[in-house]
Protein backbone atom coordinates (compact mmCIF):
# COMPACT_ATOMS: atom_id res chain seq x y z
CA MET A 1 -20.03 8.95 14.56
CA PRO A 2 -18.98 5.46 13.38
CA LYS A 3 -15.50 5.00 11.96
CA LYS A 4 -14.52 3.62 8.56
CA TYR A 5 -11.11 2.46 7.35
CA VAL A 6 -9.66 3.36 3.97
CA ILE A 7 -6.66 2.00 2.09
CA ILE A 8 -4.39 4.76 0.82
CA GLU A 9 -1.62 4.05 -1.70
CA ASN A 10 0.76 6.75 -2.81
CA THR A 11 4.30 7.74 -3.66
CA PRO A 12 6.06 9.46 -0.74
CA GLY A 13 5.96 13.24 -1.08
CA TYR A 14 2.94 13.21 -3.41
CA LEU A 15 -0.79 13.34 -2.78
CA PRO A 16 -2.68 10.05 -3.02
CA GLU A 17 -3.82 9.44 -6.59
CA ASN A 18 -7.16 7.84 -5.76
CA ASP A 19 -9.95 10.22 -4.78
CA ASP A 20 -12.21 7.27 -3.98
CA PRO A 21 -10.10 4.83 -1.91
CA LEU A 22 -11.25 1.36 -0.90
CA THR A 23 -13.35 1.71 2.25
CA PHE A 24 -14.03 -0.91 4.92
CA ASP A 25 -16.32 -1.04 7.95
CA SER A 26 -13.68 -2.57 10.22
CA TYR A 27 -9.94 -2.45 10.68
CA ALA A 28 -9.84 -6.26 10.38
CA GLU A 29 -11.43 -6.13 6.90
CA ALA A 30 -8.98 -3.43 5.79
CA LEU A 31 -6.04 -5.38 7.19
CA ASN A 32 -7.19 -8.53 5.40
CA HIS A 33 -7.21 -6.59 2.12
CA LEU A 34 -3.74 -5.22 2.90
CA VAL A 35 -2.43 -8.75 3.52
CA GLU A 36 -3.89 -9.99 0.21
CA TYR A 37 -2.48 -7.03 -1.74
CA ASN A 38 0.96 -7.51 -0.15
CA LYS A 39 0.84 -11.20 -1.12
CA GLU A 40 -0.22 -10.36 -4.72
CA LEU A 41 2.70 -7.97 -5.16
CA SER A 42 5.12 -10.47 -3.62
CA GLU A 43 4.05 -13.13 -6.10
CA GLU A 44 4.42 -10.99 -9.24
CA PHE A 45 7.29 -12.07 -11.50
CA ASP A 46 8.69 -10.74 -14.78
CA PRO A 47 8.85 -12.95 -17.91
CA ASP A 48 12.33 -14.18 -16.90
CA GLY A 49 11.05 -15.45 -13.54
CA PHE A 50 12.52 -12.68 -11.38
CA PRO A 51 10.43 -10.89 -8.76
CA THR A 52 9.04 -7.60 -10.07
CA TYR A 53 8.79 -5.83 -6.72
CA GLU A 54 10.64 -5.63 -3.46
CA VAL A 55 7.76 -5.87 -0.99
CA TYR A 56 8.28 -5.16 2.70
CA PRO A 57 6.25 -6.83 5.47
CA ILE A 58 3.17 -5.17 6.91
CA VAL A 59 3.96 -3.26 10.12
CA ASN A 60 1.30 -1.42 12.13
CA GLY A 61 -1.15 -1.33 9.23
CA TRP A 62 1.17 -0.23 6.42
CA PHE A 63 3.84 -1.52 4.04
CA LYS A 64 6.03 -0.24 1.25
CA TYR A 65 7.11 -1.67 -2.08
CA GLY A 66 9.08 -0.67 -5.15
CA PHE A 67 10.68 -2.15 -8.20
CA LEU A 68 13.27 -4.74 -7.23
CA GLY A 69 16.61 -3.11 -6.43
CA SER A 70 15.29 0.45 -6.58
CA ILE A 71 14.45 1.26 -2.96
CA GLY A 72 17.53 2.60 -1.22
CA ASN A 73 19.49 2.72 -4.48
CA PRO A 74 20.93 6.26 -4.88
CA GLU A 75 21.01 5.82 -8.66
CA SER A 76 17.28 5.06 -8.82
CA HIS A 77 14.58 7.71 -8.93
CA ASP A 78 11.94 5.23 -7.79
CA LEU A 79 10.61 6.47 -4.45
CA GLY A 80 8.58 3.33 -3.95
CA ARG A 81 4.96 3.17 -2.90
CA TYR A 82 3.38 3.19 0.54
CA VAL A 83 0.11 1.42 1.30
CA THR A 84 -1.59 2.21 4.58
CA ILE A 85 -4.86 1.91 6.48
CA GLU A 86 -6.31 5.22 7.66
CA GLU A 87 -9.19 5.63 10.08
CA VAL A 88 -11.81 8.14 8.91
CA GLU A 89 -15.26 9.30 9.96
CA GLU A 90 -18.18 7.65 8.19
CA ASP A 91 -18.49 10.70 5.93
CA GLY A 92 -14.86 10.27 4.82
CA THR A 93 -13.28 13.06 6.88
CA VAL A 94 -10.19 12.39 8.96
């Protein structure tokens, strides 16, 4: 059965929120979307001109991001977000 590739975004420790994730026919298409999304988040600034998010580079088909200064901060309750490419069967099963 042919493979598909989906983009999953979620908060660590929680189920993905999207029951209908973006689906691509090839890993290259999914990776291209991941690169664009990573770039979008990296270029988002608040009204004062400061970056909104701390966005990590893509590694092996996934990356993480969170509000600037929150990831790794023990006083923050922001767990960040993970965005990853998952290979699935054409019918959507893993």
